[in-house]
PDB file of all heavy atoms in Angstrom:
ATOM      1  N   ALA A   1      77.349 -21.081  92.053  1.00  0.00           N
ATOM      2  CA  ALA A   1      77.373 -22.274  91.231  1.00  0.00           C
ATOM      3  C   ALA A   1      78.773 -22.742  90.879  1.00  0.00           C
ATOM      4  O   ALA A   1      78.937 -23.897  90.394  1.00  0.00           O
ATOM      5  CB  ALA A   1      76.560 -22.047  89.966  1.00  0.00           C
ATOM      6  N   GLY A   2      79.759 -21.923  91.115  1.00  0.00           N
ATOM      7  CA  GLY A   2      81.145 -22.366  90.891  1.00  0.00           C
ATOM      8  C   GLY A   2      81.620 -23.346  91.940  1.00  0.00           C
ATOM      9  O   GLY A   2      82.702 -23.963  91.773  1.00  0.00           O
ATOM     10  N   LEU A   3      80.876 -23.510  92.989  1.00  0.00           N
ATOM     11  CA  LEU A   3      81.274 -24.420  94.074  1.00  0.00           C
ATOM     12  C   LEU A   3      80.094 -25.368  94.391  1.00  0.00           C
ATOM     13  O   LEU A   3      79.298 -25.116  95.264  1.00  0.00           O
ATOM     14  CB  LEU A   3      81.687 -23.649  95.343  1.00  0.00           C
ATOM     15  CG  LEU A   3      82.120 -24.460  96.532  1.00  0.00           C
ATOM     16  CD1 LEU A   3      83.292 -25.430  96.161  1.00  0.00           C
ATOM     17  CD2 LEU A   3      82.561 -23.536  97.682  1.00  0.00           C
ATOM     18  N   GLU A   4      79.971 -26.399  93.580  1.00  0.00           N
ATOM     19  CA  GLU A   4      78.961 -27.397  93.752  1.00  0.00           C
ATOM     20  C   GLU A   4      79.579 -28.789  93.547  1.00  0.00           C
ATOM     21  O   GLU A   4      80.470 -28.960  92.703  1.00  0.00           O
ATOM     22  CB  GLU A   4      77.786 -27.231  92.753  1.00  0.00           C
ATOM     23  CG  GLU A   4      77.021 -25.930  92.988  1.00  0.00           C
ATOM     24  CD  GLU A   4      75.704 -25.884  92.192  1.00  0.00           C
ATOM     25  OE1 GLU A   4      75.335 -26.909  91.636  1.00  0.00           O
ATOM     26  OE2 GLU A   4      75.100 -24.839  92.157  1.00  0.00           O
ATOM     27  N   LEU A   5      79.118 -29.732  94.317  1.00  0.00           N
ATOM     28  CA  LEU A   5      79.679 -31.078  94.243  1.00  0.00           C
ATOM     29  C   LEU A   5      78.887 -31.860  93.151  1.00  0.00           C
ATOM     30  O   LEU A   5      77.961 -32.606  93.431  1.00  0.00           O
ATOM     31  CB  LEU A   5      79.589 -31.778  95.596  1.00  0.00           C
ATOM     32  CG  LEU A   5      80.309 -31.053  96.748  1.00  0.00           C
ATOM     33  CD1 LEU A   5      80.117 -31.778  98.071  1.00  0.00           C
ATOM     34  CD2 LEU A   5      81.794 -30.878  96.432  1.00  0.00           C
ATOM     35  N   ARG A   6      79.331 -31.620  91.908  1.00  0.00           N
ATOM     36  CA  ARG A   6      78.692 -32.216  90.739  1.00  0.00           C
ATOM     37  C   ARG A   6      79.778 -32.714  89.768  1.00  0.00           C
ATOM     38  O   ARG A   6      80.909 -32.288  89.814  1.00  0.00           O
ATOM     39  CB  ARG A   6      77.831 -31.176  90.028  1.00  0.00           C
ATOM     40  CG  ARG A   6      76.671 -30.696  90.766  1.00  0.00           C
ATOM     41  CD  ARG A   6      75.963 -29.514  90.142  1.00  0.00           C
ATOM     42  NE  ARG A   6      76.080 -29.410  88.678  1.00  0.00           N
ATOM     43  CZ  ARG A   6      75.178 -28.907  87.883  1.00  0.00           C
ATOM     44  NH1 ARG A   6      74.030 -28.479  88.379  1.00  0.00           N
ATOM     45  NH2 ARG A   6      75.353 -28.832  86.586  1.00  0.00           N
ATOM     46  N   GLU A   7      79.357 -33.594  88.896  1.00  0.00           N
ATOM     47  CA  GLU A   7      80.282 -34.200  87.920  1.00  0.00           C
ATOM     48  C   GLU A   7      80.869 -33.142  86.971  1.00  0.00           C
ATOM     49  O   GLU A   7      81.963 -33.360  86.416  1.00  0.00           O
ATOM     50  CB  GLU A   7      79.582 -35.279  87.117  1.00  0.00           C
ATOM     51  CG  GLU A   7      79.101 -36.483  87.930  1.00  0.00           C
ATOM     52  CD  GLU A   7      77.720 -36.275  88.574  1.00  0.00           C
ATOM     53  OE1 GLU A   7      77.251 -35.121  88.651  1.00  0.00           O
ATOM     54  OE2 GLU A   7      77.147 -37.292  89.004  1.00  0.00           O
ATOM     55  N   ASP A   8      80.137 -32.057  86.718  1.00  0.00           N
ATOM     56  CA  ASP A   8      80.583 -31.071  85.737  1.00  0.00           C
ATOM     57  C   ASP A   8      81.185 -29.828  86.387  1.00  0.00           C
ATOM     58  O   ASP A   8      81.385 -28.808  85.678  1.00  0.00           O
ATOM     59  CB  ASP A   8      79.428 -30.707  84.823  1.00  0.00           C
ATOM     60  CG  ASP A   8      78.203 -30.133  85.569  1.00  0.00           C
ATOM     61  OD1 ASP A   8      78.212 -30.199  86.812  1.00  0.00           O
ATOM     62  OD2 ASP A   8      77.299 -29.638  84.921  1.00  0.00           O
ATOM     63  N   VAL A   9      81.476 -29.871  87.670  1.00  0.00           N
ATOM     64  CA  VAL A   9      82.133 -28.722  88.339  1.00  0.00           C
ATOM     65  C   VAL A   9      83.491 -29.211  88.841  1.00  0.00           C
ATOM     66  O   VAL A   9      83.591 -30.096  89.657  1.00  0.00           O
ATOM     67  CB  VAL A   9      81.287 -28.211  89.524  1.00  0.00           C
ATOM     68  CG1 VAL A   9      82.017 -27.123  90.272  1.00  0.00           C
ATOM     69  CG2 VAL A   9      79.936 -27.724  89.063  1.00  0.00           C
ATOM     70  N   HIS A  10      84.573 -28.589  88.302  1.00  0.00           N
ATOM     71  CA  HIS A  10      85.930 -29.046  88.560  1.00  0.00           C
ATOM     72  C   HIS A  10      86.683 -28.137  89.518  1.00  0.00           C
ATOM     73  O   HIS A  10      87.918 -28.200  89.559  1.00  0.00           O
ATOM     74  CB  HIS A  10      86.645 -29.211  87.239  1.00  0.00           C
ATOM     75  CG  HIS A  10      85.905 -30.066  86.238  1.00  0.00           C
ATOM     76  ND1 HIS A  10      85.663 -31.386  86.461  1.00  0.00           N
ATOM     77  CD2 HIS A  10      85.315 -29.746  85.044  1.00  0.00           C
ATOM     78  CE1 HIS A  10      84.977 -31.900  85.455  1.00  0.00           C
ATOM     79  NE2 HIS A  10      84.728 -30.921  84.608  1.00  0.00           N
ATOM     80  N   THR A  11      86.005 -27.338  90.263  1.00  0.00           N
ATOM     81  CA  THR A  11      86.604 -26.439  91.210  1.00  0.00           C
ATOM     82  C   THR A  11      87.388 -27.206  92.288  1.00  0.00           C
ATOM     83  O   THR A  11      86.918 -28.232  92.764  1.00  0.00           O
ATOM     84  CB  THR A  11      85.516 -25.562  91.892  1.00  0.00           C
ATOM     85  OG1 THR A  11      84.817 -24.844  90.870  1.00  0.00           O
ATOM     86  CG2 THR A  11      86.106 -24.578  92.870  1.00  0.00           C
ATOM     87  N   ILE A  12      88.535 -26.680  92.624  1.00  0.00           N
ATOM     88  CA  ILE A  12      89.339 -27.226  93.742  1.00  0.00           C
ATOM     89  C   ILE A  12      88.899 -26.562  95.023  1.00  0.00           C
ATOM     90  O   ILE A  12      88.845 -25.322  95.117  1.00  0.00           O
ATOM     91  CB  ILE A  12      90.861 -27.030  93.484  1.00  0.00           C
ATOM     92  CG1 ILE A  12      91.289 -27.632  92.161  1.00  0.00           C
ATOM     93  CG2 ILE A  12      91.670 -27.543  94.655  1.00  0.00           C
ATOM     94  CD1 ILE A  12      91.186 -29.124  92.109  1.00  0.00           C
ATOM     95  N   ILE A  13      88.624 -27.352  96.040  1.00  0.00           N
ATOM     96  CA  ILE A  13      88.206 -26.823  97.329  1.00  0.00           C
ATOM     97  C   ILE A  13      89.377 -26.142  98.011  1.00  0.00           C
ATOM     98  O   ILE A  13      90.468 -26.685  98.095  1.00  0.00           O
ATOM     99  CB  ILE A  13      87.619 -27.970  98.186  1.00  0.00           C
ATOM    100  CG1 ILE A  13      86.326 -28.501  97.529  1.00  0.00           C
ATOM    101  CG2 ILE A  13      87.326 -27.485  99.622  1.00  0.00           C
ATOM    102  CD1 ILE A  13      85.775 -29.732  98.213  1.00  0.00           C
ATOM    103  N   GLU A  14      89.095 -24.915  98.533  1.00  0.00           N
ATOM    104  CA  GLU A  14      90.134 -24.106  99.142  1.00  0.00           C
ATOM    105  C   GLU A  14      89.736 -23.712 100.553  1.00  0.00           C
ATOM    106  O   GLU A  14      88.564 -23.709 100.932  1.00  0.00           O
ATOM    107  CB  GLU A  14      90.318 -22.805  98.334  1.00  0.00           C
ATOM    108  CG  GLU A  14      90.725 -22.986  96.902  1.00  0.00           C
ATOM    109  CD  GLU A  14      90.806 -21.652  96.187  1.00  0.00           C
ATOM    110  OE1 GLU A  14      91.257 -20.673  96.860  1.00  0.00           O
ATOM    111  OE2 GLU A  14      90.420 -21.577  95.027  1.00  0.00           O
ATOM    112  N   PRO A  15      90.730 -23.349 101.366  1.00  0.00           N
ATOM    113  CA  PRO A  15      90.446 -22.800 102.709  1.00  0.00           C
ATOM    114  C   PRO A  15      89.539 -21.571 102.602  1.00  0.00           C
ATOM    115  O   PRO A  15      89.703 -20.743 101.699  1.00  0.00           O
ATOM    116  CB  PRO A  15      91.804 -22.427 103.267  1.00  0.00           C
ATOM    117  CG  PRO A  15      92.763 -23.339 102.548  1.00  0.00           C
ATOM    118  CD  PRO A  15      92.179 -23.512 101.168  1.00  0.00           C
ATOM    119  N   GLY A  16      88.599 -21.456 103.507  1.00  0.00           N
ATOM    120  CA  GLY A  16      87.643 -20.353 103.484  1.00  0.00           C
ATOM    121  C   GLY A  16      86.326 -20.699 102.814  1.00  0.00           C
ATOM    122  O   GLY A  16      85.374 -19.906 102.909  1.00  0.00           O
ATOM    123  N   MET A  17      86.281 -21.796 102.100  1.00  0.00           N
ATOM    124  CA  MET A  17      85.029 -22.189 101.483  1.00  0.00           C
ATOM    125  C   MET A  17      84.133 -22.866 102.525  1.00  0.00           C
ATOM    126  O   MET A  17      84.596 -23.424 103.516  1.00  0.00           O
ATOM    127  CB  MET A  17      85.281 -23.163 100.354  1.00  0.00           C
ATOM    128  CG  MET A  17      85.932 -22.501  99.135  1.00  0.00           C
ATOM    129  SD  MET A  17      86.211 -23.664  97.763  1.00  0.00           S
ATOM    130  CE  MET A  17      86.734 -22.541  96.479  1.00  0.00           C
ATOM    131  N   VAL A  18      82.819 -22.692 102.333  1.00  0.00           N
ATOM    132  CA  VAL A  18      81.824 -23.352 103.179  1.00  0.00           C
ATOM    133  C   VAL A  18      80.907 -24.147 102.302  1.00  0.00           C
ATOM    134  O   VAL A  18      80.302 -23.619 101.368  1.00  0.00           O
ATOM    135  CB  VAL A  18      81.022 -22.270 103.978  1.00  0.00           C
ATOM    136  CG1 VAL A  18      79.959 -22.954 104.850  1.00  0.00           C
ATOM    137  CG2 VAL A  18      81.942 -21.411 104.830  1.00  0.00           C
ATOM    138  N   ILE A  19      80.825 -25.433 102.536  1.00  0.00           N
ATOM    139  CA  ILE A  19      80.200 -26.380 101.613  1.00  0.00           C
ATOM    140  C   ILE A  19      79.269 -27.339 102.361  1.00  0.00           C
ATOM    141  O   ILE A  19      79.600 -27.775 103.485  1.00  0.00           O
ATOM    142  CB  ILE A  19      81.242 -27.233 100.876  1.00  0.00           C
ATOM    143  CG1 ILE A  19      82.375 -26.337 100.331  1.00  0.00           C
ATOM    144  CG2 ILE A  19      80.603 -27.986  99.723  1.00  0.00           C
ATOM    145  CD1 ILE A  19      83.524 -27.114  99.768  1.00  0.00           C
ATOM    146  N   SER A  20      78.147 -27.664 101.760  1.00  0.00           N
ATOM    147  CA  SER A  20      77.257 -28.650 102.327  1.00  0.00           C
ATOM    148  C   SER A  20      77.577 -30.044 101.729  1.00  0.00           C
ATOM    149  O   SER A  20      78.108 -30.169 100.616  1.00  0.00           O
ATOM    150  CB  SER A  20      75.805 -28.313 102.034  1.00  0.00           C
ATOM    151  OG  SER A  20      75.541 -28.318 100.634  1.00  0.00           O
ATOM    152  N   MET A  21      77.261 -31.071 102.504  1.00  0.00           N
ATOM    153  CA  MET A  21      77.164 -32.426 101.974  1.00  0.00           C
ATOM    154  C   MET A  21      75.700 -32.848 102.168  1.00  0.00           C
ATOM    155  O   MET A  21      75.196 -32.849 103.308  1.00  0.00           O
ATOM    156  CB  MET A  21      78.114 -33.344 102.725  1.00  0.00           C
ATOM    157  CG  MET A  21      77.941 -34.847 102.446  1.00  0.00           C
ATOM    158  SD  MET A  21      77.908 -35.300 100.674  1.00  0.00           S
ATOM    159  CE  MET A  21      79.459 -34.643 100.115  1.00  0.00           C
ATOM    160  N   GLU A  22      75.040 -33.170 101.042  1.00  0.00           N
ATOM    161  CA  GLU A  22      73.585 -33.425 101.121  1.00  0.00           C
ATOM    162  C   GLU A  22      73.084 -34.401 100.055  1.00  0.00           C
ATOM    163  O   GLU A  22      72.394 -34.037  99.111  1.00  0.00           O
ATOM    164  CB  GLU A  22      72.809 -32.089 100.996  1.00  0.00           C
ATOM    165  CG  GLU A  22      73.263 -31.171  99.866  1.00  0.00           C
ATOM    166  CD  GLU A  22      72.400 -29.921  99.809  1.00  0.00           C
ATOM    167  OE1 GLU A  22      71.166 -30.067  99.723  1.00  0.00           O
ATOM    168  OE2 GLU A  22      72.964 -28.833  99.854  1.00  0.00           O
ATOM    169  N   PRO A  23      73.444 -35.665 100.211  1.00  0.00           N
ATOM    170  CA  PRO A  23      72.952 -36.651  99.253  1.00  0.00           C
ATOM    171  C   PRO A  23      71.475 -36.885  99.367  1.00  0.00           C
ATOM    172  O   PRO A  23      70.882 -36.763 100.453  1.00  0.00           O
ATOM    173  CB  PRO A  23      73.743 -37.925  99.622  1.00  0.00           C
ATOM    174  CG  PRO A  23      74.008 -37.760 101.107  1.00  0.00           C
ATOM    175  CD  PRO A  23      74.226 -36.281 101.292  1.00  0.00           C
ATOM    176  N   MET A  24      70.814 -37.214  98.258  1.00  0.00           N
ATOM    177  CA  MET A  24      69.399 -37.505  98.270  1.00  0.00           C
ATOM    178  C   MET A  24      69.058 -38.656  97.339  1.00  0.00           C
ATOM    179  O   MET A  24      69.529 -38.648  96.177  1.00  0.00           O
ATOM    180  CB  MET A  24      68.543 -36.270  97.904  1.00  0.00           C
ATOM    181  CG  MET A  24      67.047 -36.575  97.853  1.00  0.00           C
ATOM    182  SD  MET A  24      66.012 -35.124  97.488  1.00  0.00           S
ATOM    183  CE  MET A  24      64.394 -35.939  97.371  1.00  0.00           C
TER     184      MET A  24
END
């Protein structure tokens, strides 16, 4: 949950992260 594309998550994306893009 520390790496989610949400308004209340301010984590900086770093090398080695794996992230989805999934608008609905």
